[in-house]
C-alpha atoms as a PDB file:
ATOM      1  CA  MET A   1     -59.144  44.392 -97.445  1.00  0.00           C
ATOM      2  CA  ILE A   2     -59.374  40.592 -97.224  1.00  0.00           C
ATOM      3  CA  ARG A   3     -61.938  39.027 -99.541  1.00  0.00           C
ATOM      4  CA  ILE A   4     -63.549  35.670 -98.794  1.00  0.00           C
ATOM      5  CA  SER A   5     -64.922  33.730-101.710  1.00  0.00           C
ATOM      6  CA  THR A   6     -68.392  32.162-101.627  1.00  0.00           C
ATOM      7  CA  THR A   7     -66.802  28.725-101.906  1.00  0.00           C
ATOM      8  CA  ALA A   8     -64.557  29.334 -98.890  1.00  0.00           C
ATOM      9  CA  LEU A   9     -67.488  30.646 -96.863  1.00  0.00           C
ATOM     10  CA  LEU A  10     -69.552  27.553 -97.660  1.00  0.00           C
ATOM     11  CA  ALA A  11     -66.633  25.317 -96.756  1.00  0.00           C
ATOM     12  CA  ALA A  12     -66.186  27.076 -93.398  1.00  0.00           C
ATOM     13  CA  THR A  13     -69.898  26.778 -92.680  1.00  0.00           C
ATOM     14  CA  LEU A  14     -69.816  23.054 -93.471  1.00  0.00           C
ATOM     15  CA  LEU A  15     -66.845  22.504 -91.155  1.00  0.00           C
ATOM     16  CA  THR A  16     -68.636  24.351 -88.354  1.00  0.00           C
ATOM     17  CA  MET A  17     -71.712  22.160 -88.822  1.00  0.00           C
ATOM     18  CA  LEU A  18     -69.604  19.021 -88.771  1.00  0.00           C
ATOM     19  CA  GLY A  19     -67.900  20.191 -85.580  1.00  0.00           C
ATOM     20  CA  CYS A  20     -71.278  20.684 -83.915  1.00  0.00           C
ATOM     21  CA  ALA A  21     -72.385  17.222 -84.970  1.00  0.00           C
ATOM     22  CA  GLN A  22     -69.326  15.769 -83.214  1.00  0.00           C
ATOM     23  CA  SER A  23     -70.058  17.497 -79.900  1.00  0.00           C
ATOM     24  CA  LYS A  24     -70.689  15.493 -76.750  1.00  0.00           C
ATOM     25  CA  GLY A  25     -74.428  16.148 -76.642  1.00  0.00           C
ATOM     26  CA  PRO A  26     -77.048  14.522 -78.846  1.00  0.00           C
ATOM     27  CA  ALA A  27     -77.729  16.143 -82.191  1.00  0.00           C
ATOM     28  CA  GLU A  28     -80.863  18.221 -82.653  1.00  0.00           C
ATOM     29  CA  GLY A  29     -83.845  15.967 -83.194  1.00  0.00           C
ATOM     30  CA  GLN A  30     -81.968  12.942 -81.900  1.00  0.00           C
ATOM     31  CA  ALA A  31     -83.304  11.211 -78.810  1.00  0.00           C
ATOM     32  CA  PRO A  32     -80.812  11.830 -75.975  1.00  0.00           C
ATOM     33  CA  ALA A  33     -81.369   8.411 -74.467  1.00  0.00           C
ATOM     34  CA  ALA A  34     -82.188   4.896 -75.481  1.00  0.00           C
ATOM     35  CA  ALA A  35     -85.155   3.213 -73.885  1.00  0.00           C
ATOM     36  CA  ALA A  36     -84.154   0.963 -71.024  1.00  0.00           C
ATOM     37  CA  THR A  37     -84.571  -2.773 -71.252  1.00  0.00           C
ATOM     38  CA  ALA A  38     -88.129  -3.577 -70.204  1.00  0.00           C
ATOM     39  CA  ARG A  39     -88.235  -5.495 -66.942  1.00  0.00           C
ATOM     40  CA  PRO A  40     -91.697  -6.556 -65.843  1.00  0.00           C
ATOM     41  CA  SER A  41     -92.714  -5.612 -62.332  1.00  0.00           C
ATOM     42  CA  PRO A  42     -91.949  -8.580 -60.064  1.00  0.00           C
ATOM     43  CA  THR A  43     -94.586 -10.730 -58.439  1.00  0.00           C
ATOM     44  CA  PRO A  44     -94.610 -10.728 -54.602  1.00  0.00           C
ATOM     45  CA  GLU A  45     -92.831 -14.083 -54.672  1.00  0.00           C
ATOM     46  CA  GLN A  46     -90.150 -12.789 -57.054  1.00  0.00           C
ATOM     47  CA  HIS A  47     -89.732  -9.651 -54.949  1.00  0.00           C
ATOM     48  CA  ALA A  48     -89.235 -11.687 -51.773  1.00  0.00           C
ATOM     49  CA  ALA A  49     -86.742 -14.002 -53.485  1.00  0.00           C
ATOM     50  CA  HIS A  50     -84.788 -11.043 -54.867  1.00  0.00           C
ATOM     51  CA  ARG A  51     -84.678  -9.405 -51.438  1.00  0.00           C
ATOM     52  CA  ALA A  52     -83.347 -12.583 -49.817  1.00  0.00           C
ATOM     53  CA  GLU A  53     -80.721 -12.966 -52.546  1.00  0.00           C
ATOM     54  CA  MET A  54     -79.531  -9.353 -52.184  1.00  0.00           C
ATOM     55  CA  ILE A  55     -79.340  -9.617 -48.382  1.00  0.00           C
ATOM     56  CA  ALA A  56     -77.219 -12.740 -48.741  1.00  0.00           C
ATOM     57  CA  LEU A  57     -74.999 -11.015 -51.299  1.00  0.00           C
ATOM     58  CA  GLY A  58     -74.346  -8.045 -49.021  1.00  0.00           C
ATOM     59  CA  ASN A  59     -73.481 -10.307 -46.109  1.00  0.00           C
ATOM     60  CA  GLN A  60     -70.695 -11.933 -48.131  1.00  0.00           C
ATOM     61  CA  PHE A  61     -68.623  -8.741 -47.891  1.00  0.00           C
ATOM     62  CA  LYS A  62     -67.307  -6.838 -44.887  1.00  0.00           C
ATOM     63  CA  THR A  63     -67.185  -3.437 -46.575  1.00  0.00           C
ATOM     64  CA  ALA A  64     -69.020  -1.467 -49.226  1.00  0.00           C
ATOM     65  CA  THR A  65     -65.789  -1.247 -51.210  1.00  0.00           C
ATOM     66  CA  GLU A  66     -65.537  -5.031 -51.369  1.00  0.00           C
ATOM     67  CA  LEU A  67     -69.114  -5.360 -52.629  1.00  0.00           C
ATOM     68  CA  TYR A  68     -68.618  -2.591 -55.199  1.00  0.00           C
ATOM     69  CA  ASP A  69     -65.404  -4.207 -56.472  1.00  0.00           C
ATOM     70  CA  HIS A  70     -67.206  -7.569 -56.707  1.00  0.00           C
ATOM     71  CA  LEU A  71     -70.018  -6.057 -58.785  1.00  0.00           C
ATOM     72  CA  LYS A  72     -67.464  -4.331 -61.009  1.00  0.00           C
ATOM     73  CA  ALA A  73     -65.608  -7.583 -61.570  1.00  0.00           C
ATOM     74  CA  GLN A  74     -68.887  -9.310 -62.437  1.00  0.00           C
ATOM     75  CA  ALA A  75     -69.500  -6.557 -65.007  1.00  0.00           C
ATOM     76  CA  LYS A  76     -65.972  -7.134 -66.391  1.00  0.00           C
ATOM     77  CA  GLY A  77     -64.924  -3.664 -65.334  1.00  0.00           C
ATOM     78  CA  GLY A  78     -68.193  -2.006 -66.259  1.00  0.00           C
ATOM     79  CA  GLN A  79     -68.598   0.828 -68.716  1.00  0.00           C
ATOM     80  CA  GLN A  80     -67.736   4.489 -68.322  1.00  0.00           C
ATOM     81  CA  ASN A  81     -68.323   7.426 -70.649  1.00  0.00           C
ATOM     82  CA  ILE A  82     -71.028   5.441 -72.428  1.00  0.00           C
ATOM     83  CA  ALA A  83     -72.329   6.642 -75.783  1.00  0.00           C
ATOM     84  CA  TRP A  84     -75.392   8.886 -75.824  1.00  0.00           C
ATOM     85  CA  ASP A  85     -77.466   6.308 -77.650  1.00  0.00           C
ATOM     86  CA  LYS A  86     -76.710   3.749 -74.916  1.00  0.00           C
ATOM     87  CA  ILE A  87     -77.999   5.906 -72.054  1.00  0.00           C
ATOM     88  CA  PRO A  88     -81.195   4.491 -70.501  1.00  0.00           C
ATOM     89  CA  ASP A  89     -84.316   6.624 -70.544  1.00  0.00           C
ATOM     90  CA  TRP A  90     -84.835   7.984 -67.022  1.00  0.00           C
ATOM     91  CA  LYS A  91     -86.417  11.280 -68.018  1.00  0.00           C
ATOM     92  CA  GLY A  92     -89.466  12.556 -66.173  1.00  0.00           C
ATOM     93  CA  VAL A  93     -90.416  13.611 -62.663  1.00  0.00           C
ATOM     94  CA  TYR A  94     -90.506  10.910 -59.995  1.00  0.00           C
ATOM     95  CA  SER A  95     -91.842  10.446 -56.490  1.00  0.00           C
ATOM     96  CA  ARG A  96     -91.042   7.752 -53.942  1.00  0.00           C
ATOM     97  CA  SER A  97     -93.979   5.414 -54.236  1.00  0.00           C
ATOM     98  CA  LYS A  98     -93.516   2.748 -51.567  1.00  0.00           C
ATOM     99  CA  GLY A  99     -92.868   2.781 -47.839  1.00  0.00           C
ATOM    100  CA  GLY A 100     -94.066   6.249 -46.881  1.00  0.00           C
ATOM    101  CA  THR A 101     -91.123   7.717 -44.983  1.00  0.00           C
ATOM    102  CA  ALA A 102     -89.940   4.427 -43.479  1.00  0.00           C
ATOM    103  CA  PHE A 103     -86.403   3.846 -44.708  1.00  0.00           C
ATOM    104  CA  ASP A 104     -87.080   0.233 -45.682  1.00  0.00           C
ATOM    105  CA  PRO A 105     -90.203   0.113 -47.885  1.00  0.00           C
ATOM    106  CA  ASP A 106     -90.582  -3.600 -47.089  1.00  0.00           C
ATOM    107  CA  GLY A 107     -90.348  -3.145 -43.333  1.00  0.00           C
ATOM    108  CA  PRO A 108     -92.750  -1.960 -40.635  1.00  0.00           C
ATOM    109  CA  ALA A 109     -94.340   1.470 -40.901  1.00  0.00           C
ATOM    110  CA  GLN A 110     -92.490   4.469 -39.534  1.00  0.00           C
ATOM    111  CA  GLY A 111     -92.835   4.498 -35.752  1.00  0.00           C
ATOM    112  CA  GLU A 112     -92.205   0.784 -35.427  1.00  0.00           C
ATOM    113  CA  VAL A 113     -88.768  -0.834 -35.075  1.00  0.00           C
ATOM    114  CA  PRO A 114     -87.279  -1.034 -38.610  1.00  0.00           C
ATOM    115  CA  THR A 115     -85.517  -3.986 -40.230  1.00  0.00           C
ATOM    116  CA  GLY A 116     -81.944  -2.736 -39.815  1.00  0.00           C
ATOM    117  CA  LYS A 117     -79.771  -4.694 -37.374  1.00  0.00           C
ATOM    118  CA  PHE A 118     -78.094  -2.093 -35.180  1.00  0.00           C
ATOM    119  CA  THR A 119     -75.206  -2.339 -32.719  1.00  0.00           C
ATOM    120  CA  PRO A 120     -76.200  -2.124 -29.027  1.00  0.00           C
ATOM    121  CA  GLU A 121     -75.382   1.586 -28.763  1.00  0.00           C
ATOM    122  CA  TYR A 122     -77.394   2.535 -31.845  1.00  0.00           C
ATOM    123  CA  GLN A 123     -80.191   0.087 -31.029  1.00  0.00           C
ATOM    124  CA  ALA A 124     -80.664   1.824 -27.674  1.00  0.00           C
ATOM    125  CA  LYS A 125     -80.934   5.218 -29.387  1.00  0.00           C
ATOM    126  CA  LEU A 126     -83.437   3.788 -31.867  1.00  0.00           C
ATOM    127  CA  LEU A 127     -85.645   2.226 -29.184  1.00  0.00           C
ATOM    128  CA  LYS A 128     -85.678   5.480 -27.231  1.00  0.00           C
ATOM    129  CA  ASP A 129     -86.873   7.348 -30.330  1.00  0.00           C
ATOM    130  CA  VAL A 130     -89.570   4.751 -31.014  1.00  0.00           C
ATOM    131  CA  THR A 131     -90.835   5.028 -27.431  1.00  0.00           C
ATOM    132  CA  ASP A 132     -90.655   8.839 -27.428  1.00  0.00           C
ATOM    133  CA  ARG A 133     -92.599   9.010 -30.686  1.00  0.00           C
ATOM    134  CA  LYS A 134     -95.405   6.923 -29.203  1.00  0.00           C
ATOM    135  CA  ASN A 135     -95.484   9.385 -26.300  1.00  0.00           C
ATOM    136  CA  GLY A 136     -95.721  12.388 -28.596  1.00  0.00           C
ATOM    137  CA  ILE A 137     -92.047  13.380 -28.311  1.00  0.00           C
ATOM    138  CA  GLU A 138     -90.226  13.715 -31.614  1.00  0.00           C
ATOM    139  CA  TYR A 139     -87.306  15.710 -32.954  1.00  0.00           C
ATOM    140  CA  ASP A 140     -85.859  15.920 -36.445  1.00  0.00           C
ATOM    141  CA  PRO A 141     -82.809  18.042 -37.418  1.00  0.00           C
ATOM    142  CA  LEU A 142     -84.608  18.812 -40.694  1.00  0.00           C
ATOM    143  CA  SER A 143     -86.932  21.036 -38.650  1.00  0.00           C
ATOM    144  CA  GLN A 144     -83.968  23.348 -38.127  1.00  0.00           C
ATOM    145  CA  CYS A 145     -82.988  23.221 -41.803  1.00  0.00           C
ATOM    146  CA  VAL A 146     -80.178  20.712 -41.312  1.00  0.00           C
ATOM    147  CA  PRO A 147     -79.957  18.974 -44.734  1.00  0.00           C
ATOM    148  CA  PRO A 148     -80.926  15.287 -44.797  1.00  0.00           C
ATOM    149  CA  GLY A 149     -77.923  14.041 -46.745  1.00  0.00           C
ATOM    150  CA  HIS A 150     -77.397  10.518 -48.015  1.00  0.00           C
ATOM    151  CA  PRO A 151     -78.527   7.786 -47.365  1.00  0.00           C
ATOM    152  CA  ARG A 152     -81.587   9.578 -45.959  1.00  0.00           C
ATOM    153  CA  TRP A 153     -81.834  11.143 -49.420  1.00  0.00           C
ATOM    154  CA  LEU A 154     -83.323   7.839 -50.571  1.00  0.00           C
ATOM    155  CA  SER A 155     -86.421   7.987 -48.350  1.00  0.00           C
ATOM    156  CA  MET A 156     -87.277  11.676 -48.492  1.00  0.00           C
ATOM    157  CA  PRO A 157     -90.718  12.548 -49.861  1.00  0.00           C
ATOM    158  CA  PHE A 158     -91.491  15.066 -52.644  1.00  0.00           C
ATOM    159  CA  LEU A 159     -90.218  15.108 -56.219  1.00  0.00           C
ATOM    160  CA  ARG A 160     -87.055  13.885 -57.918  1.00  0.00           C
ATOM    161  CA  GLU A 161     -85.471  13.933 -61.343  1.00  0.00           C
ATOM    162  CA  PHE A 162     -82.496  12.113 -62.840  1.00  0.00           C
ATOM    163  CA  ILE A 163     -80.234  13.670 -65.476  1.00  0.00           C
ATOM    164  CA  VAL A 164     -78.028  11.107 -67.189  1.00  0.00           C
ATOM    165  CA  THR A 165     -75.001  11.984 -69.342  1.00  0.00           C
ATOM    166  CA  PRO A 166     -72.041   9.820 -70.355  1.00  0.00           C
ATOM    167  CA  GLU A 167     -69.739  11.319 -67.724  1.00  0.00           C
ATOM    168  CA  GLN A 168     -72.153  11.850 -64.843  1.00  0.00           C
ATOM    169  CA  THR A 169     -75.600  11.080 -63.492  1.00  0.00           C
ATOM    170  CA  THR A 170     -77.156  13.892 -61.485  1.00  0.00           C
ATOM    171  CA  MET A 171     -79.887  12.968 -59.001  1.00  0.00           C
ATOM    172  CA  ILE A 172     -81.976  15.919 -57.824  1.00  0.00           C
ATOM    173  CA  ALA A 173     -84.389  15.871 -54.895  1.00  0.00           C
ATOM    174  CA  GLU A 174     -86.826  18.735 -54.503  1.00  0.00           C
ATOM    175  CA  ALA A 175     -86.536  18.604 -50.711  1.00  0.00           C
ATOM    176  CA  PHE A 176     -83.712  20.849 -49.522  1.00  0.00           C
ATOM    177  CA  ASN A 177     -82.496  21.247 -53.144  1.00  0.00           C
ATOM    178  CA  SER A 178     -80.459  18.122 -52.442  1.00  0.00           C
ATOM    179  CA  VAL A 179     -78.248  17.072 -55.364  1.00  0.00           C
ATOM    180  CA  ARG A 180     -76.173  13.937 -55.792  1.00  0.00           C
ATOM    181  CA  ARG A 181     -73.516  13.634 -58.501  1.00  0.00           C
ATOM    182  CA  ILE A 182     -72.434  10.167 -59.565  1.00  0.00           C
ATOM    183  CA  TYR A 183     -69.299  10.331 -61.692  1.00  0.00           C
ATOM    184  CA  THR A 184     -69.099   7.720 -64.451  1.00  0.00           C
ATOM    185  CA  ASP A 185     -66.087   9.127 -66.285  1.00  0.00           C
ATOM    186  CA  GLY A 186     -63.585   6.690 -64.781  1.00  0.00           C
ATOM    187  CA  ARG A 187     -62.372   8.810 -61.893  1.00  0.00           C
ATOM    188  CA  GLN A 188     -61.711   7.226 -58.502  1.00  0.00           C
ATOM    189  CA  HIS A 189     -62.793   8.399 -55.052  1.00  0.00           C
ATOM    190  CA  THR A 190     -61.186  11.403 -53.414  1.00  0.00           C
ATOM    191  CA  PRO A 191     -57.794  10.302 -51.993  1.00  0.00           C
ATOM    192  CA  GLU A 192     -58.137   8.986 -48.454  1.00  0.00           C
ATOM    193  CA  ASP A 193     -55.953  11.683 -46.896  1.00  0.00           C
ATOM    194  CA  GLU A 194     -58.164  14.376 -48.452  1.00  0.00           C
ATOM    195  CA  ARG A 195     -61.553  12.998 -47.373  1.00  0.00           C
ATOM    196  CA  TYR A 196     -63.963  14.637 -44.935  1.00  0.00           C
ATOM    197  CA  PRO A 197     -67.668  14.097 -44.179  1.00  0.00           C
ATOM    198  CA  THR A 198     -70.061  15.804 -46.598  1.00  0.00           C
ATOM    199  CA  GLU A 199     -73.836  16.006 -46.998  1.00  0.00           C
ATOM    200  CA  ASN A 200     -74.236  13.647 -49.966  1.00  0.00           C
ATOM    201  CA  GLY A 201     -70.766  12.177 -50.061  1.00  0.00           C
ATOM    202  CA  ASP A 202     -68.438  11.283 -52.912  1.00  0.00           C
ATOM    203  CA  SER A 203     -70.074   8.976 -55.471  1.00  0.00           C
ATOM    204  CA  ILE A 204     -68.469   7.109 -58.336  1.00  0.00           C
ATOM    205  CA  GLY A 205     -70.054   4.517 -60.572  1.00  0.00           C
ATOM    206  CA  PHE A 206     -70.105   2.461 -63.727  1.00  0.00           C
ATOM    207  CA  TRP A 207     -72.715   1.054 -66.090  1.00  0.00           C
ATOM    208  CA  ASP A 208     -73.490  -2.637 -66.304  1.00  0.00           C
ATOM    209  CA  GLY A 209     -75.713  -2.649 -69.376  1.00  0.00           C
ATOM    210  CA  ASP A 210     -78.574  -0.340 -68.436  1.00  0.00           C
ATOM    211  CA  LYS A 211     -77.884  -0.616 -64.689  1.00  0.00           C
ATOM    212  CA  LEU A 212     -75.995   2.098 -62.838  1.00  0.00           C
ATOM    213  CA  VAL A 213     -73.795   0.782 -60.007  1.00  0.00           C
ATOM    214  CA  VAL A 214     -72.734   3.381 -57.419  1.00  0.00           C
ATOM    215  CA  HIS A 215     -70.399   3.517 -54.423  1.00  0.00           C
ATOM    216  CA  THR A 216     -70.660   6.458 -51.996  1.00  0.00           C
ATOM    217  CA  ASN A 217     -68.421   7.414 -49.068  1.00  0.00           C
ATOM    218  CA  MET A 218     -67.417  10.671 -47.264  1.00  0.00           C
ATOM    219  CA  LEU A 219     -70.822  11.034 -45.592  1.00  0.00           C
ATOM    220  CA  GLN A 220     -72.027  12.860 -42.492  1.00  0.00           C
ATOM    221  CA  ALA A 221     -73.764  11.254 -39.515  1.00  0.00           C
ATOM    222  CA  HIS A 222     -77.562  11.696 -39.467  1.00  0.00           C
ATOM    223  CA  MET A 223     -80.795   9.758 -38.955  1.00  0.00           C
ATOM    224  CA  TYR A 224     -82.429   7.474 -41.542  1.00  0.00           C
ATOM    225  CA  GLU A 225     -85.819   8.977 -40.732  1.00  0.00           C
ATOM    226  CA  ARG A 226     -87.676   9.854 -37.561  1.00  0.00           C
ATOM    227  CA  ALA A 227     -87.628   6.828 -35.236  1.00  0.00           C
ATOM    228  CA  GLN A 228     -85.811   4.808 -37.915  1.00  0.00           C
ATOM    229  CA  GLY A 229     -82.338   4.760 -36.434  1.00  0.00           C
ATOM    230  CA  TYR A 230     -79.100   6.695 -36.903  1.00  0.00           C
ATOM    231  CA  TYR A 231     -75.981   6.275 -39.007  1.00  0.00           C
ATOM    232  CA  SER A 232     -72.426   7.401 -38.282  1.00  0.00           C
ATOM    233  CA  ASP A 233     -69.973   9.381 -40.400  1.00  0.00           C
ATOM    234  CA  GLN A 234     -68.391   6.057 -41.395  1.00  0.00           C
ATOM    235  CA  VAL A 235     -71.474   5.027 -43.362  1.00  0.00           C
ATOM    236  CA  GLU A 236     -71.028   3.950 -46.992  1.00  0.00           C
ATOM    237  CA  THR A 237     -73.510   2.682 -49.569  1.00  0.00           C
ATOM    238  CA  VAL A 238     -73.603   0.606 -52.721  1.00  0.00           C
ATOM    239  CA  GLU A 239     -76.560   1.070 -55.080  1.00  0.00           C
ATOM    240  CA  ILE A 240     -77.771  -0.553 -58.298  1.00  0.00           C
ATOM    241  CA  TRP A 241     -80.244   1.644 -60.202  1.00  0.00           C
ATOM    242  CA  TYR A 242     -82.440   0.310 -63.029  1.00  0.00           C
ATOM    243  CA  ARG A 243     -85.874   0.559 -64.624  1.00  0.00           C
ATOM    244  CA  GLU A 244     -88.612  -1.879 -63.669  1.00  0.00           C
ATOM    245  CA  GLY A 245     -92.075  -2.035 -65.203  1.00  0.00           C
ATOM    246  CA  ASP A 246     -93.419   0.850 -67.268  1.00  0.00           C
ATOM    247  CA  ARG A 247     -92.822   3.713 -64.841  1.00  0.00           C
ATOM    248  CA  ASP A 248     -90.636   2.624 -61.929  1.00  0.00           C
ATOM    249  CA  LEU A 249     -87.005   3.488 -61.308  1.00  0.00           C
ATOM    250  CA  VAL A 250     -85.657   1.313 -58.507  1.00  0.00           C
ATOM    251  CA  ALA A 251     -82.476   1.095 -56.487  1.00  0.00           C
ATOM    252  CA  ASP A 252     -81.083  -1.954 -54.705  1.00  0.00           C
ATOM    253  CA  VAL A 253     -79.236  -0.394 -51.766  1.00  0.00           C
ATOM    254  CA  TRP A 254     -76.761  -1.799 -49.237  1.00  0.00           C
ATOM    255  CA  VAL A 255     -75.770   0.375 -46.274  1.00  0.00           C
ATOM    256  CA  TYR A 256     -72.498  -0.470 -44.502  1.00  0.00           C
ATOM    257  CA  ASP A 257     -71.783   1.276 -41.200  1.00  0.00           C
ATOM    258  CA  PRO A 258     -69.609  -0.684 -38.697  1.00  0.00           C
ATOM    259  CA  PRO A 259     -70.213   1.619 -35.696  1.00  0.00           C
ATOM    260  CA  ALA A 260     -74.010   1.471 -36.151  1.00  0.00           C
ATOM    261  CA  LEU A 261     -74.893  -1.755 -38.005  1.00  0.00           C
ATOM    262  CA  VAL A 262     -73.902  -5.336 -37.212  1.00  0.00           C
ATOM    263  CA  GLU A 263     -74.509  -6.293 -40.857  1.00  0.00           C
ATOM    264  CA  PRO A 264     -75.304  -4.436 -44.100  1.00  0.00           C
ATOM    265  CA  TRP A 265     -78.839  -3.061 -44.302  1.00  0.00           C
ATOM    266  CA  PHE A 266     -80.408  -3.931 -47.654  1.00  0.00           C
ATOM    267  CA  THR A 267     -83.438  -2.070 -48.974  1.00  0.00           C
ATOM    268  CA  LYS A 268     -85.095  -1.795 -52.360  1.00  0.00           C
ATOM    269  CA  GLN A 269     -86.178   1.781 -53.031  1.00  0.00           C
ATOM    270  CA  VAL A 270     -88.904   2.476 -55.615  1.00  0.00           C
ATOM    271  CA  TYR A 271     -89.624   5.764 -57.420  1.00  0.00           C
ATOM    272  CA  THR A 272     -92.497   6.099 -59.877  1.00  0.00           C
ATOM    273  CA  ALA A 273     -92.597   8.522 -62.800  1.00  0.00           C
ATOM    274  CA  LEU A 274     -95.582  10.858 -62.654  1.00  0.00           C
ATOM    275  CA  SER A 275     -98.037  10.371 -65.503  1.00  0.00           C
ATOM    276  CA  ASN A 276     -98.217  14.099 -66.306  1.00  0.00           C
ATOM    277  CA  PRO A 277     -94.660  15.445 -65.855  1.00  0.00           C
ATOM    278  CA  GLU A 278     -95.391  18.562 -67.911  1.00  0.00           C
ATOM    279  CA  GLU A 279     -97.602  19.761 -65.056  1.00  0.00           C
ATOM    280  CA  HIS A 280     -94.857  19.388 -62.437  1.00  0.00           C
ATOM    281  CA  ARG A 281     -91.740  21.456 -61.892  1.00  0.00           C
ATOM    282  CA  ILE A 282     -89.112  21.070 -59.219  1.00  0.00           C
ATOM    283  CA  ARG A 283     -88.977  24.452 -57.505  1.00  0.00           C
ATOM    284  CA  HIS A 284     -86.383  26.005 -55.250  1.00  0.00           C
ATOM    285  CA  TRP A 285     -86.798  24.682 -51.708  1.00  0.00           C
ATOM    286  CA  ALA A 286     -86.709  27.568 -49.215  1.00  0.00           C
ATOM    287  CA  CYS A 287     -86.100  26.472 -45.635  1.00  0.00           C
ATOM    288  CA  GLU A 288     -84.280  29.102 -43.635  1.00  0.00           C
ATOM    289  CA  GLY A 289     -85.850  32.488 -43.143  1.00  0.00           C
ATOM    290  CA  THR A 290     -89.451  31.331 -42.679  1.00  0.00           C
ATOM    291  CA  GLN A 291     -91.390  31.184 -39.426  1.00  0.00           C
ATOM    292  CA  ASN A 292     -92.524  27.681 -40.254  1.00  0.00           C
ATOM    293  CA  ASN A 293     -88.946  26.439 -39.836  1.00  0.00           C
ATOM    294  CA  ASP A 294     -87.949  28.488 -36.799  1.00  0.00           C
ATOM    295  CA  VAL A 295     -87.898  25.388 -34.597  1.00  0.00           C
ATOM    296  CA  ILE A 296     -86.036  24.567 -31.397  1.00  0.00           C
ATOM    297  CA  GLN A 297     -85.550  21.311 -29.516  1.00  0.00           C
ATOM    298  CA  THR A 298     -87.315  21.071 -26.151  1.00  0.00           C
ATOM    299  CA  LYS A 299     -85.724  19.788 -22.950  1.00  0.00           C
ATOM    300  CA  GLU A 300     -87.913  16.670 -23.251  1.00  0.00           C
ATOM    301  CA  GLY A 301     -86.320  15.867 -26.606  1.00  0.00           C
ATOM    302  CA  GLY A 302     -89.202  16.990 -28.810  1.00  0.00           C
ATOM    303  CA  SER A 303     -89.504  20.149 -30.878  1.00  0.00           C
ATOM    304  CA  THR A 304     -91.524  23.338 -30.831  1.00  0.00           C
ATOM    305  CA  PHE A 305     -91.772  26.524 -32.838  1.00  0.00           C
ATOM    306  CA  ARG A 306     -89.782  29.381 -31.377  1.00  0.00           C
ATOM    307  CA  ASP A 307     -92.490  32.009 -31.845  1.00  0.00           C
ATOM    308  CA  LEU A 308     -94.901  31.188 -34.654  1.00  0.00           C
ATOM    309  CA  THR A 309     -98.144  33.058 -35.183  1.00  0.00           C
ATOM    310  CA  PHE A 310    -100.369  33.646 -38.186  1.00  0.00           C
ATOM    311  CA  THR A 311    -102.040  36.685 -36.591  1.00  0.00           C
ATOM    312  CA  ASP A 312    -100.929  40.128 -35.485  1.00  0.00           C
ATOM    313  CA  ARG A 313    -101.189  38.958 -31.883  1.00  0.00           C
ATOM    314  CA  ASP A 314     -98.373  36.883 -30.412  1.00  0.00           C
ATOM    315  CA  ASP A 315     -99.322  33.419 -29.273  1.00  0.00           C
ATOM    316  CA  SER A 316     -97.919  33.275 -25.766  1.00  0.00           C
ATOM    317  CA  LYS A 317     -98.280  29.495 -25.632  1.00  0.00           C
ATOM    318  CA  GLY A 318     -96.224  28.892 -28.762  1.00  0.00           C
ATOM    319  CA  SER A 319     -97.022  26.011 -31.077  1.00  0.00           C
ATOM    320  CA  ARG A 320     -96.635  22.276 -30.574  1.00  0.00           C
END
């Protein structure tokens, strides 16, 4: 029989404890994230000046890749695999707090022509949707449980949370259980000959101080929002995420899409942390399999429920 001395047992226990302390996660009792640099909320004048500056910046580059590479060069290569104590504090539950469901929070309300500058083909589709909406005709693929994908992910309502680790930032939207993964471990995009359109695309990024800079490609064609225009499967985005004020997490976003846009579409998206996050949980989003989402598109271009009734008697007229 092998006998282990008390001294050896203590030594093994100490080594185990030291190994745990060197793990990737924060130690017990240690804050997992450092508080982000406080940026005061901008005045209306500062906001307008920032918007003009960011629009001008996007227009200097023909592609999202060129803008992303420029931002990375400005950050002297940026930082990847940052230390736990350098991670900004984005914990909490957030909700989009500006713009309703219009894609550009600084543009006209949904139902009016948005600020994006579309190519003739896509402008015609947009104007038709705007006119149809005013005539009570409206269709949205989400009604048939088609996931929104990115960049529409940015303007969806309902709750969000952001999980930041050195190697990856995970962005979770309650709607459609839609998850984005931004890799900050130094990897590059999927090789070009292996790419194909996906719901939320392929996202890589780097840290510039407490700002997260992201480039996303490999996206599917969809609509920005109802009567807000469409994007093609060649769409790409560049985003800069950072804290602003006491509770806001914001993203400067440039959308590049040569088939649909004549120039990059810049928007500033704002998400506000709820004051009582302990009372809110992001639940599983069930779409398919419920009568409420059994929707078909009408011949006029609108939508209607296939056969929805809340009584034992069928409603022969259906629901509009």
